[in-house]
N, C-alpha and C. Protein backbone atom coordinates (compact mmCIF):
# COMPACT_ATOMS: atom_id res chain seq x y z
N MET A 1 -24.50 91.70 16.73
CA MET A 1 -23.81 91.47 15.09
C MET A 1 -23.78 90.35 14.49
N PHE A 2 -24.19 89.78 13.42
CA PHE A 2 -24.02 88.34 13.08
C PHE A 2 -23.01 88.05 12.21
N THR A 3 -22.17 86.66 12.25
CA THR A 3 -21.46 86.24 11.73
C THR A 3 -21.64 85.07 11.19
N ALA A 4 -21.64 84.62 9.84
CA ALA A 4 -21.68 83.54 8.97
C ALA A 4 -20.47 83.02 8.98
N LEU A 5 -20.11 81.62 9.03
CA LEU A 5 -19.05 81.14 8.21
C LEU A 5 -19.27 80.18 6.69
N LEU A 6 -19.11 80.36 5.81
CA LEU A 6 -19.21 79.57 4.81
C LEU A 6 -18.56 78.71 4.43
N THR A 7 -18.46 77.21 4.21
CA THR A 7 -17.56 77.10 3.91
C THR A 7 -17.88 76.07 2.52
N LYS A 8 -17.28 75.54 1.57
CA LYS A 8 -17.52 74.85 -0.07
C LYS A 8 -16.83 73.39 0.57
N GLN A 9 -17.83 72.55 0.35
CA GLN A 9 -17.56 71.02 0.28
C GLN A 9 -16.99 70.29 -0.96
N ALA A 10 -16.25 69.94 -0.97
CA ALA A 10 -15.50 69.07 -2.31
C ALA A 10 -16.11 68.12 -2.35
N THR A 11 -16.22 68.18 -3.65
CA THR A 11 -17.10 67.01 -4.43
C THR A 11 -16.65 66.20 -4.70
N THR A 12 -16.36 64.99 -4.27
CA THR A 12 -15.68 63.61 -4.74
C THR A 12 -16.27 63.28 -5.97
N VAL A 13 -15.58 62.84 -6.94
CA VAL A 13 -15.73 62.17 -8.31
C VAL A 13 -15.47 61.03 -8.23
N THR A 14 -15.94 60.17 -8.70
CA THR A 14 -15.00 59.00 -9.52
C THR A 14 -15.32 57.99 -10.82
N GLY A 15 -14.46 58.03 -11.45
CA GLY A 15 -14.36 57.36 -12.74
C GLY A 15 -13.94 56.15 -12.68
N ILE A 16 -14.08 54.93 -13.59
CA ILE A 16 -13.88 53.74 -13.95
C ILE A 16 -13.30 54.04 -15.22
N PHE A 17 -11.91 53.21 -15.70
CA PHE A 17 -11.36 53.64 -17.15
C PHE A 17 -10.90 52.06 -17.10
N TYR A 18 -10.83 51.80 -18.48
CA TYR A 18 -10.12 50.60 -19.50
C TYR A 18 -9.24 50.85 -20.02
N PRO A 19 -8.92 49.45 -20.66
CA PRO A 19 -8.01 49.39 -21.64
C PRO A 19 -9.26 49.50 -22.86
N VAL A 20 -8.82 49.98 -24.08
CA VAL A 20 -9.55 50.43 -25.22
C VAL A 20 -8.84 49.25 -26.44
N GLY A 21 -7.72 49.39 -26.68
CA GLY A 21 -7.03 48.53 -27.46
C GLY A 21 -6.47 47.16 -27.32
N ALA A 22 -6.91 46.49 -27.92
CA ALA A 22 -6.50 44.82 -28.09
C ALA A 22 -5.08 44.65 -27.92
N THR A 23 -3.99 45.85 -28.17
CA THR A 23 -2.77 45.68 -27.75
C THR A 23 -2.34 46.35 -26.54
N ASP A 24 -3.53 47.10 -25.23
CA ASP A 24 -3.22 47.80 -24.27
C ASP A 24 -3.02 46.80 -23.17
N ASP A 25 -2.94 45.81 -22.67
CA ASP A 25 -2.51 44.91 -21.79
C ASP A 25 -1.25 44.01 -22.42
N GLY A 26 -0.63 43.36 -21.57
CA GLY A 26 0.39 42.32 -21.77
C GLY A 26 1.25 41.80 -20.98
N TRP A 27 2.58 41.10 -21.78
CA TRP A 27 3.44 40.59 -20.37
C TRP A 27 4.46 40.11 -20.57
N ILE A 28 5.73 40.60 -20.18
CA ILE A 28 6.62 39.58 -20.72
C ILE A 28 7.48 38.83 -19.43
N SER A 29 7.97 37.82 -19.71
CA SER A 29 9.26 36.87 -19.62
C SER A 29 10.10 36.40 -19.98
N THR A 30 10.93 36.25 -19.39
CA THR A 30 12.79 36.09 -19.47
C THR A 30 12.50 35.15 -20.82
N LEU A 31 11.65 33.77 -20.31
CA LEU A 31 11.72 32.58 -21.23
C LEU A 31 10.62 32.70 -22.23
N GLY A 32 9.75 33.40 -21.74
CA GLY A 32 8.22 33.82 -23.08
C GLY A 32 8.60 34.88 -23.61
N GLY A 33 9.45 36.06 -23.45
CA GLY A 33 9.18 36.80 -24.44
C GLY A 33 8.35 38.04 -23.98
N PHE A 34 8.05 38.85 -25.07
CA PHE A 34 6.78 39.93 -24.96
C PHE A 34 5.42 38.84 -25.22
N ASP A 35 4.56 39.49 -24.89
CA ASP A 35 3.40 38.82 -25.11
C ASP A 35 1.87 39.86 -25.19
N ASP A 36 1.52 40.85 -26.05
CA ASP A 36 0.21 42.02 -25.87
C ASP A 36 -0.80 40.88 -26.83
N SER A 37 -0.68 39.67 -27.11
CA SER A 37 -1.89 39.50 -28.19
C SER A 37 -2.51 38.06 -27.45
N GLY A 38 -2.53 37.37 -26.54
CA GLY A 38 -2.34 36.25 -26.14
C GLY A 38 -3.77 36.70 -24.87
N ASP A 39 -4.62 35.66 -24.72
CA ASP A 39 -5.70 35.62 -23.48
C ASP A 39 -5.55 36.11 -22.19
N LEU A 40 -4.22 35.93 -22.07
CA LEU A 40 -3.74 36.07 -20.57
C LEU A 40 -2.47 37.17 -20.27
N PHE A 41 -2.52 37.79 -19.02
CA PHE A 41 -1.04 38.28 -18.69
C PHE A 41 -0.76 38.07 -17.60
N ALA A 42 0.21 38.12 -17.12
CA ALA A 42 0.92 37.50 -15.93
C ALA A 42 2.03 38.06 -15.02
N CYS A 43 2.07 38.40 -13.92
CA CYS A 43 2.52 38.60 -12.81
C CYS A 43 3.39 37.71 -12.05
N GLY A 44 4.83 37.33 -11.49
CA GLY A 44 4.98 36.78 -10.10
C GLY A 44 6.68 36.11 -11.00
N THR A 45 6.71 35.10 -10.59
CA THR A 45 8.05 34.18 -10.94
C THR A 45 7.40 32.35 -10.98
N TRP A 46 8.00 32.05 -12.17
CA TRP A 46 7.56 30.81 -12.65
C TRP A 46 8.66 30.21 -12.84
N SER A 47 9.03 28.92 -11.99
CA SER A 47 10.66 28.80 -12.13
C SER A 47 11.44 29.09 -12.19
N GLY A 48 11.64 30.34 -11.59
CA GLY A 48 12.93 31.41 -11.11
C GLY A 48 12.61 32.24 -12.42
N ASP A 49 11.67 32.38 -13.68
CA ASP A 49 11.53 33.16 -14.55
C ASP A 49 10.15 33.94 -13.93
N PRO A 50 10.89 35.30 -14.44
CA PRO A 50 10.17 36.40 -13.42
C PRO A 50 9.15 36.91 -14.54
N ALA A 51 7.98 37.14 -14.71
CA ALA A 51 6.94 38.00 -15.10
C ALA A 51 6.43 38.89 -14.76
N GLU A 52 6.30 39.96 -15.71
CA GLU A 52 5.67 41.53 -15.38
C GLU A 52 4.56 41.84 -16.04
N ALA A 53 3.90 42.62 -15.97
CA ALA A 53 2.92 43.06 -16.63
C ALA A 53 2.54 44.64 -16.89
N PHE A 54 1.75 44.95 -17.80
CA PHE A 54 1.01 46.04 -18.50
C PHE A 54 0.18 46.64 -18.52
N ILE A 55 -0.56 47.55 -18.18
CA ILE A 55 -1.94 47.89 -18.85
C ILE A 55 -2.48 49.51 -19.11
N ARG A 56 -2.45 49.71 -20.41
CA ARG A 56 -2.70 51.02 -20.50
C ARG A 56 -4.63 51.30 -20.61
N PHE A 57 -4.56 52.42 -20.04
CA PHE A 57 -5.95 52.87 -19.76
C PHE A 57 -6.20 54.53 -20.64
N SER A 58 -7.54 54.01 -21.38
CA SER A 58 -7.59 55.18 -22.23
C SER A 58 -8.18 56.15 -21.40
N ASN A 59 -8.47 57.52 -21.89
CA ASN A 59 -9.29 58.71 -21.46
C ASN A 59 -9.78 59.18 -19.55
N VAL A 60 -8.10 58.95 -19.55
CA VAL A 60 -7.86 59.28 -18.23
C VAL A 60 -8.74 60.30 -17.98
N SER A 61 -10.09 60.45 -17.64
CA SER A 61 -10.43 62.05 -17.49
C SER A 61 -10.68 62.33 -16.15
N ILE A 62 -9.05 62.72 -15.24
CA ILE A 62 -8.74 63.65 -14.32
C ILE A 62 -7.91 64.35 -14.42
N PRO A 63 -8.81 65.94 -13.50
CA PRO A 63 -7.89 67.00 -14.30
C PRO A 63 -6.34 67.31 -13.58
N GLN A 64 -5.37 67.72 -14.02
CA GLN A 64 -4.07 68.09 -13.90
C GLN A 64 -4.49 68.83 -12.01
N GLY A 65 -3.71 68.12 -11.36
CA GLY A 65 -3.80 68.56 -10.28
C GLY A 65 -4.46 68.18 -9.26
N SER A 66 -5.79 67.57 -9.22
CA SER A 66 -6.69 66.96 -8.29
C SER A 66 -6.04 66.50 -7.25
N THR A 67 -7.27 65.72 -5.92
CA THR A 67 -6.69 65.85 -5.24
C THR A 67 -6.91 63.93 -5.29
N ILE A 68 -6.19 63.30 -5.21
CA ILE A 68 -6.92 61.37 -5.24
C ILE A 68 -6.97 60.86 -4.19
N VAL A 69 -8.23 61.08 -3.63
CA VAL A 69 -9.05 60.70 -2.26
C VAL A 69 -8.96 58.78 -2.30
N SER A 70 -9.03 58.30 -3.49
CA SER A 70 -8.97 56.59 -3.42
C SER A 70 -8.37 56.50 -4.77
N SER A 71 -7.69 55.08 -5.28
CA SER A 71 -7.53 54.58 -6.26
C SER A 71 -7.45 52.95 -5.93
N TYR A 72 -7.90 52.52 -7.03
CA TYR A 72 -7.59 50.67 -6.91
C TYR A 72 -7.38 50.09 -8.43
N LEU A 73 -6.82 49.09 -8.44
CA LEU A 73 -6.90 48.82 -10.12
C LEU A 73 -8.07 47.20 -9.77
N ARG A 74 -8.63 47.00 -10.77
CA ARG A 74 -9.48 45.93 -10.38
C ARG A 74 -9.28 44.46 -12.32
N LEU A 75 -8.66 43.67 -11.35
CA LEU A 75 -8.34 42.50 -12.20
C LEU A 75 -8.93 41.20 -12.10
N ASN A 76 -8.98 40.47 -13.73
CA ASN A 76 -10.06 39.10 -13.34
C ASN A 76 -9.16 38.00 -13.54
N GLY A 77 -8.76 37.44 -12.00
CA GLY A 77 -7.94 36.15 -12.26
C GLY A 77 -8.26 35.28 -12.76
N TYR A 78 -7.19 34.19 -13.67
CA TYR A 78 -7.63 33.30 -14.28
C TYR A 78 -6.65 32.00 -13.77
N SER A 79 -5.61 31.86 -13.36
CA SER A 79 -5.36 30.94 -12.53
C SER A 79 -3.96 31.70 -11.55
N ALA A 80 -3.44 30.67 -10.56
CA ALA A 80 -2.35 31.26 -9.84
C ALA A 80 -1.86 29.90 -9.33
N PRO A 81 -0.89 29.10 -10.53
CA PRO A 81 -0.30 28.31 -10.06
C PRO A 81 0.89 28.45 -8.89
N GLY A 82 1.51 27.80 -7.71
CA GLY A 82 2.65 28.11 -7.21
C GLY A 82 1.85 28.14 -5.96
N THR A 83 2.75 28.83 -4.97
CA THR A 83 2.28 28.61 -3.54
C THR A 83 2.51 30.06 -3.10
N PRO A 84 1.20 30.39 -2.26
CA PRO A 84 1.32 32.08 -1.79
C PRO A 84 2.54 32.73 -1.16
N PRO A 85 2.81 33.46 -0.28
CA PRO A 85 2.37 34.70 -1.20
C PRO A 85 2.68 35.47 -2.36
N ARG A 86 2.10 35.66 -3.39
CA ARG A 86 2.28 36.04 -4.33
C ARG A 86 1.96 37.97 -4.02
N ILE A 87 3.15 38.45 -4.44
CA ILE A 87 3.01 40.07 -3.86
C ILE A 87 3.43 40.67 -5.19
N HIS A 88 2.94 41.40 -5.45
CA HIS A 88 2.93 42.86 -6.69
C HIS A 88 3.69 43.67 -6.42
N LYS A 89 4.29 44.66 -6.88
CA LYS A 89 4.86 45.78 -6.79
C LYS A 89 4.29 46.69 -7.74
N VAL A 90 3.12 47.39 -7.50
CA VAL A 90 2.35 48.36 -8.72
C VAL A 90 2.92 49.69 -9.02
N TYR A 91 2.90 49.85 -9.89
CA TYR A 91 4.04 51.48 -10.11
C TYR A 91 3.06 51.99 -12.01
N ALA A 92 3.27 52.78 -12.15
CA ALA A 92 2.97 53.43 -13.32
C ALA A 92 3.87 53.87 -13.96
N ASN A 93 3.64 54.29 -15.66
CA ASN A 93 4.41 54.69 -16.44
C ASN A 93 4.47 56.58 -16.30
N ILE A 94 5.66 57.07 -15.52
CA ILE A 94 5.83 58.47 -15.14
C ILE A 94 5.34 59.15 -16.58
N GLU A 95 5.68 58.77 -18.05
CA GLU A 95 5.58 59.45 -19.04
C GLU A 95 4.01 60.02 -19.35
N ILE A 96 3.90 61.04 -20.05
CA ILE A 96 2.82 61.54 -19.95
C ILE A 96 1.83 60.98 -21.27
N ASP A 97 0.85 60.80 -21.49
CA ASP A 97 0.46 60.02 -22.53
C ASP A 97 0.84 58.88 -23.59
N PRO A 98 1.43 58.05 -22.29
CA PRO A 98 1.98 57.06 -23.26
C PRO A 98 0.97 56.31 -23.90
N ASP A 99 2.02 55.69 -24.82
CA ASP A 99 1.45 54.78 -26.09
C ASP A 99 2.09 53.09 -25.24
N SER A 100 1.25 51.99 -25.71
CA SER A 100 1.55 50.63 -25.37
C SER A 100 2.83 50.43 -25.76
N PRO A 101 3.63 49.79 -24.88
CA PRO A 101 4.93 49.24 -25.26
C PRO A 101 4.77 47.50 -26.51
N THR A 102 5.69 47.69 -27.23
CA THR A 102 5.48 46.90 -28.32
C THR A 102 6.48 45.44 -28.55
N SER A 103 7.47 46.17 -27.40
CA SER A 103 8.14 44.78 -27.21
C SER A 103 9.21 44.60 -25.60
N THR A 104 9.89 43.61 -25.70
CA THR A 104 10.03 43.52 -24.18
C THR A 104 11.12 45.10 -23.88
N VAL A 105 12.10 45.36 -25.27
CA VAL A 105 13.03 45.99 -25.29
C VAL A 105 12.39 47.58 -24.67
N GLU A 106 11.04 47.48 -25.15
CA GLU A 106 10.33 49.04 -24.84
C GLU A 106 9.78 49.21 -23.45
N PHE A 107 9.52 47.89 -22.93
CA PHE A 107 8.80 47.66 -21.61
C PHE A 107 9.95 47.68 -20.73
N ASN A 108 10.73 47.62 -20.68
CA ASN A 108 12.11 47.59 -19.94
C ASN A 108 12.86 49.20 -19.52
N ALA A 109 12.18 49.59 -20.84
CA ALA A 109 12.60 51.44 -20.90
C ALA A 109 11.84 51.98 -20.06
N LEU A 110 10.38 51.91 -19.73
CA LEU A 110 9.21 52.67 -18.97
C LEU A 110 9.87 52.73 -18.26
N ASP A 111 9.91 54.61 -17.74
CA ASP A 111 10.42 55.14 -16.82
C ASP A 111 8.57 55.07 -15.53
N LEU A 112 9.47 54.76 -14.34
CA LEU A 112 8.69 54.50 -13.62
C LEU A 112 8.55 55.25 -12.33
N THR A 113 6.88 55.55 -11.84
CA THR A 113 6.77 56.83 -10.32
C THR A 113 7.58 56.30 -9.42
N THR A 114 8.13 57.23 -8.85
CA THR A 114 8.74 57.20 -7.51
C THR A 114 7.65 55.94 -6.73
N ALA A 115 6.41 56.57 -6.91
CA ALA A 115 5.24 56.12 -5.49
C ALA A 115 5.19 54.46 -6.43
N TYR A 116 4.76 53.34 -5.59
CA TYR A 116 4.22 52.23 -5.82
C TYR A 116 4.20 51.64 -5.07
N VAL A 117 3.12 50.72 -4.93
CA VAL A 117 2.41 49.77 -3.49
C VAL A 117 2.79 48.47 -3.53
N GLN A 118 2.72 47.55 -2.55
CA GLN A 118 3.17 46.18 -2.54
C GLN A 118 1.78 45.88 -2.83
N TRP A 119 1.23 44.84 -3.47
CA TRP A 119 0.19 44.28 -3.43
C TRP A 119 -0.05 42.64 -3.13
N THR A 120 -0.44 42.25 -2.35
CA THR A 120 -0.45 40.72 -2.29
C THR A 120 -2.15 40.21 -2.69
N PRO A 121 -2.41 39.94 -3.68
CA PRO A 121 -3.46 39.86 -4.28
C PRO A 121 -4.28 38.33 -3.50
N THR A 122 -5.69 38.14 -3.52
CA THR A 122 -5.94 36.67 -2.49
C THR A 122 -6.64 36.47 -4.27
N PHE A 123 -6.65 35.38 -4.26
CA PHE A 123 -6.87 34.55 -5.34
C PHE A 123 -7.15 33.34 -5.10
N VAL A 124 -8.72 32.83 -5.19
CA VAL A 124 -9.96 31.84 -4.98
C VAL A 124 -9.59 30.99 -5.79
N SER A 125 -10.60 31.82 -7.20
CA SER A 125 -10.91 30.30 -8.38
C SER A 125 -10.79 31.24 -9.76
N GLY A 126 -10.82 30.83 -10.83
CA GLY A 126 -11.09 31.61 -12.00
C GLY A 126 -12.21 32.15 -12.36
N TYR A 127 -11.85 33.31 -12.97
CA TYR A 127 -12.76 34.47 -13.28
C TYR A 127 -13.44 35.05 -12.38
N GLU A 128 -12.51 35.21 -11.29
CA GLU A 128 -12.65 36.21 -9.79
C GLU A 128 -12.44 37.41 -10.21
N TRP A 129 -13.22 38.39 -10.09
CA TRP A 129 -12.49 39.91 -9.64
C TRP A 129 -11.34 39.79 -8.77
N ILE A 130 -10.24 40.61 -8.56
CA ILE A 130 -9.76 40.71 -6.86
C ILE A 130 -9.66 42.07 -7.81
N ASP A 131 -9.73 42.93 -6.07
CA ASP A 131 -8.93 44.61 -6.20
C ASP A 131 -7.70 44.61 -5.76
N SER A 132 -6.83 45.64 -5.55
CA SER A 132 -5.52 45.71 -5.37
C SER A 132 -5.63 46.24 -4.16
N THR A 133 -4.87 47.19 -3.45
CA THR A 133 -4.75 47.73 -2.56
C THR A 133 -4.85 49.42 -3.18
N ASP A 134 -4.95 50.30 -2.55
CA ASP A 134 -4.87 51.35 -2.68
C ASP A 134 -3.78 51.86 -3.54
N ILE A 135 -3.96 52.49 -4.99
CA ILE A 135 -3.10 52.96 -5.30
C ILE A 135 -2.76 54.54 -5.82
N SER A 136 -3.40 55.10 -4.81
CA SER A 136 -3.64 56.37 -4.53
C SER A 136 -2.61 57.72 -4.99
N THR A 137 -1.37 57.22 -3.93
CA THR A 137 -0.33 57.70 -4.35
C THR A 137 0.64 57.41 -5.99
N ILE A 138 0.39 56.76 -6.02
CA ILE A 138 0.77 56.42 -7.46
C ILE A 138 0.23 57.62 -8.70
N ILE A 139 -1.77 57.43 -8.76
CA ILE A 139 -2.19 58.45 -9.40
C ILE A 139 -1.90 59.59 -9.11
N GLN A 140 -1.78 60.07 -7.66
CA GLN A 140 -1.62 61.22 -7.51
C GLN A 140 -0.32 62.02 -8.23
N GLU A 141 1.11 61.08 -8.65
CA GLU A 141 2.46 61.55 -9.01
C GLU A 141 1.87 61.99 -10.41
N ILE A 142 1.14 60.81 -10.97
CA ILE A 142 1.23 61.30 -12.24
C ILE A 142 -0.22 62.65 -12.88
N VAL A 143 -0.93 62.78 -12.01
CA VAL A 143 -2.02 63.95 -12.06
C VAL A 143 -1.10 65.21 -11.42
N ASN A 144 0.17 65.14 -10.86
CA ASN A 144 0.43 66.24 -10.24
C ASN A 144 1.34 66.58 -11.11
N GLN A 145 2.02 65.93 -12.23
CA GLN A 145 2.63 66.59 -13.23
C GLN A 145 2.32 67.65 -14.28
N GLY A 146 2.92 68.74 -14.56
CA GLY A 146 2.57 70.05 -15.32
C GLY A 146 1.67 69.67 -16.75
N LEU A 147 2.48 69.05 -17.58
CA LEU A 147 1.89 68.37 -18.61
C LEU A 147 0.38 67.38 -18.87
N TRP A 148 0.33 67.22 -17.46
CA TRP A 148 -1.22 65.97 -17.25
C TRP A 148 -1.76 67.25 -17.67
N VAL A 149 -2.82 66.55 -18.62
CA VAL A 149 -4.19 66.69 -18.87
C VAL A 149 -5.00 65.59 -19.25
N SER A 150 -6.54 66.21 -19.10
CA SER A 150 -7.68 64.93 -18.50
C SER A 150 -7.60 64.63 -19.69
N GLY A 151 -7.95 63.35 -19.89
CA GLY A 151 -8.18 62.63 -21.23
C GLY A 151 -6.90 61.38 -21.31
N ASN A 152 -5.70 61.68 -20.79
CA ASN A 152 -4.39 61.50 -21.59
C ASN A 152 -4.76 59.54 -20.78
N HIS A 153 -3.86 58.94 -21.70
CA HIS A 153 -3.41 57.44 -21.12
C HIS A 153 -2.79 57.33 -19.94
N LEU A 154 -2.28 56.38 -19.64
CA LEU A 154 -1.99 55.94 -17.98
C LEU A 154 -1.58 54.52 -18.07
N ILE A 155 -0.60 54.43 -18.07
CA ILE A 155 0.00 53.10 -17.91
C ILE A 155 0.48 52.46 -16.71
N ILE A 156 -0.59 51.90 -16.14
CA ILE A 156 0.06 50.76 -14.64
C ILE A 156 1.24 49.38 -15.20
N LEU A 157 1.89 49.54 -14.15
CA LEU A 157 3.01 48.23 -14.76
C LEU A 157 2.62 47.60 -13.26
N LEU A 158 2.52 46.21 -13.70
CA LEU A 158 2.81 45.35 -11.92
C LEU A 158 4.47 44.42 -12.30
N LYS A 159 4.74 44.97 -11.20
CA LYS A 159 6.60 44.05 -11.32
C LYS A 159 6.49 43.14 -10.39
N GLU A 160 7.20 41.81 -10.65
CA GLU A 160 7.33 41.00 -9.67
C GLU A 160 8.06 41.31 -8.36
N ASN A 161 7.57 40.63 -7.29
CA ASN A 161 8.49 40.22 -6.24
C ASN A 161 9.16 40.33 -5.87
N ALA A 162 9.65 38.36 -6.25
CA ALA A 162 10.61 37.59 -6.12
C ALA A 162 10.46 36.90 -4.76
N THR A 163 9.66 36.65 -4.25
CA THR A 163 9.12 36.78 -2.96
C THR A 163 9.18 34.91 -2.96
N ALA A 164 8.91 33.79 -4.13
CA ALA A 164 8.95 32.95 -4.26
C ALA A 164 9.51 32.14 -5.43
N ALA A 165 9.85 30.93 -5.53
CA ALA A 165 10.37 30.50 -7.32
C ALA A 165 9.14 30.32 -7.86
N PHE A 166 7.73 30.01 -7.52
CA PHE A 166 6.53 29.59 -7.90
C PHE A 166 5.57 30.23 -7.53
N ASN A 167 5.27 31.26 -7.99
CA ASN A 167 4.22 32.70 -7.12
C ASN A 167 3.53 33.53 -8.60
N LEU A 168 3.30 32.73 -9.54
CA LEU A 168 2.90 33.29 -10.45
C LEU A 168 0.98 33.59 -10.53
N ILE A 169 0.34 34.59 -11.04
CA ILE A 169 -0.91 34.61 -11.69
C ILE A 169 -1.01 35.21 -12.60
N TYR A 170 -2.24 34.20 -13.12
CA TYR A 170 -2.39 34.96 -14.81
C TYR A 170 -3.56 35.82 -14.44
N TYR A 171 -4.21 37.20 -15.42
CA TYR A 171 -5.41 37.02 -15.42
C TYR A 171 -5.42 37.59 -16.95
N ASN A 172 -6.83 37.30 -17.05
CA ASN A 172 -7.68 37.84 -18.44
C ASN A 172 -7.25 38.97 -19.14
N SER A 173 -6.98 38.81 -20.00
CA SER A 173 -6.96 40.17 -20.85
C SER A 173 -8.03 40.84 -21.78
N ILE A 174 -8.00 42.12 -22.08
CA ILE A 174 -8.96 42.56 -22.99
C ILE A 174 -9.48 41.60 -23.70
N ARG A 175 -8.73 40.69 -24.24
CA ARG A 175 -8.88 40.14 -25.12
C ARG A 175 -9.63 38.81 -25.28
N VAL A 176 -10.24 38.36 -24.10
CA VAL A 176 -10.90 37.56 -23.57
C VAL A 176 -12.63 37.33 -23.92
N SER A 177 -13.60 36.55 -24.24
CA SER A 177 -14.88 36.89 -24.20
C SER A 177 -14.89 38.43 -24.40
N SER A 178 -14.62 39.33 -25.50
CA SER A 178 -15.04 40.66 -26.09
C SER A 178 -15.01 41.06 -24.78
N GLY A 179 -13.71 41.03 -24.19
CA GLY A 179 -13.85 42.10 -23.41
C GLY A 179 -14.20 42.24 -21.83
N ILE A 180 -15.14 41.52 -22.16
CA ILE A 180 -16.16 41.36 -20.65
C ILE A 180 -15.24 41.32 -19.00
N TYR A 181 -13.56 40.81 -19.44
CA TYR A 181 -12.83 40.46 -18.06
C TYR A 181 -11.97 41.59 -18.16
N LYS A 182 -11.78 43.10 -18.68
CA LYS A 182 -11.13 43.19 -19.08
C LYS A 182 -10.71 43.83 -17.47
N ALA A 183 -9.23 45.01 -17.59
CA ALA A 183 -8.70 45.14 -16.54
C ALA A 183 -9.56 46.69 -16.14
N GLU A 184 -9.82 47.07 -15.03
CA GLU A 184 -10.85 48.56 -14.61
C GLU A 184 -9.41 49.54 -13.18
N LEU A 185 -9.62 50.61 -13.81
CA LEU A 185 -8.85 51.35 -12.65
C LEU A 185 -9.77 52.26 -12.09
N HIS A 186 -10.02 52.22 -10.97
CA HIS A 186 -11.16 53.50 -10.31
C HIS A 186 -10.43 54.33 -9.74
N ILE A 187 -10.68 55.33 -9.93
CA ILE A 187 -10.05 56.61 -9.13
C ILE A 187 -11.39 57.49 -9.01
N SER A 188 -11.14 58.32 -7.48
CA SER A 188 -12.51 58.71 -6.86
C SER A 188 -11.20 60.12 -6.46
N TYR A 189 -11.64 61.10 -6.71
CA TYR A 189 -11.29 62.83 -6.54
C TYR A 189 -12.00 63.93 -6.26
N GLN A 190 -11.33 65.12 -6.21
CA GLN A 190 -11.82 66.06 -5.79
C GLN A 190 -11.03 66.84 -6.24
């Protein structure tokens, strides 16, 4: 008697997603207010003024309920005044297919995922690409929602962690050099 065991290997698919619109990234600070039109966005604290950022990624073509194998954010650093460590808390907006916020009030009203990760970016010099720690738990929470549809938009938020009075990092926005330094969201899923 011959017995065969058949197994189906799960295929891993990797996608890279980007902000598309000119106002798909930005930041807020207590002193500076809301900014989605400048060349930079920032996260951290400067002289006690916290700064937090958002990036809205378009056409995130991950099927609902997929298993997220890995995911990370890739940002292009501009400058990092102050003293390390610079620690960001990374979340996503839990809303399905959100629009970019257009004010401090809208930014502060974004509902966050339960999942978040702490990321300590290592900044060396300007125009350097910096990869986050793995954020797959955050992306998994988003795509597990029953109303998630492949192709939706997704907002990632960088929240300051108040580790020091001077620990800011500025990142290049989609508006710099025709978007060549725009943020990237890398997702591998099955």
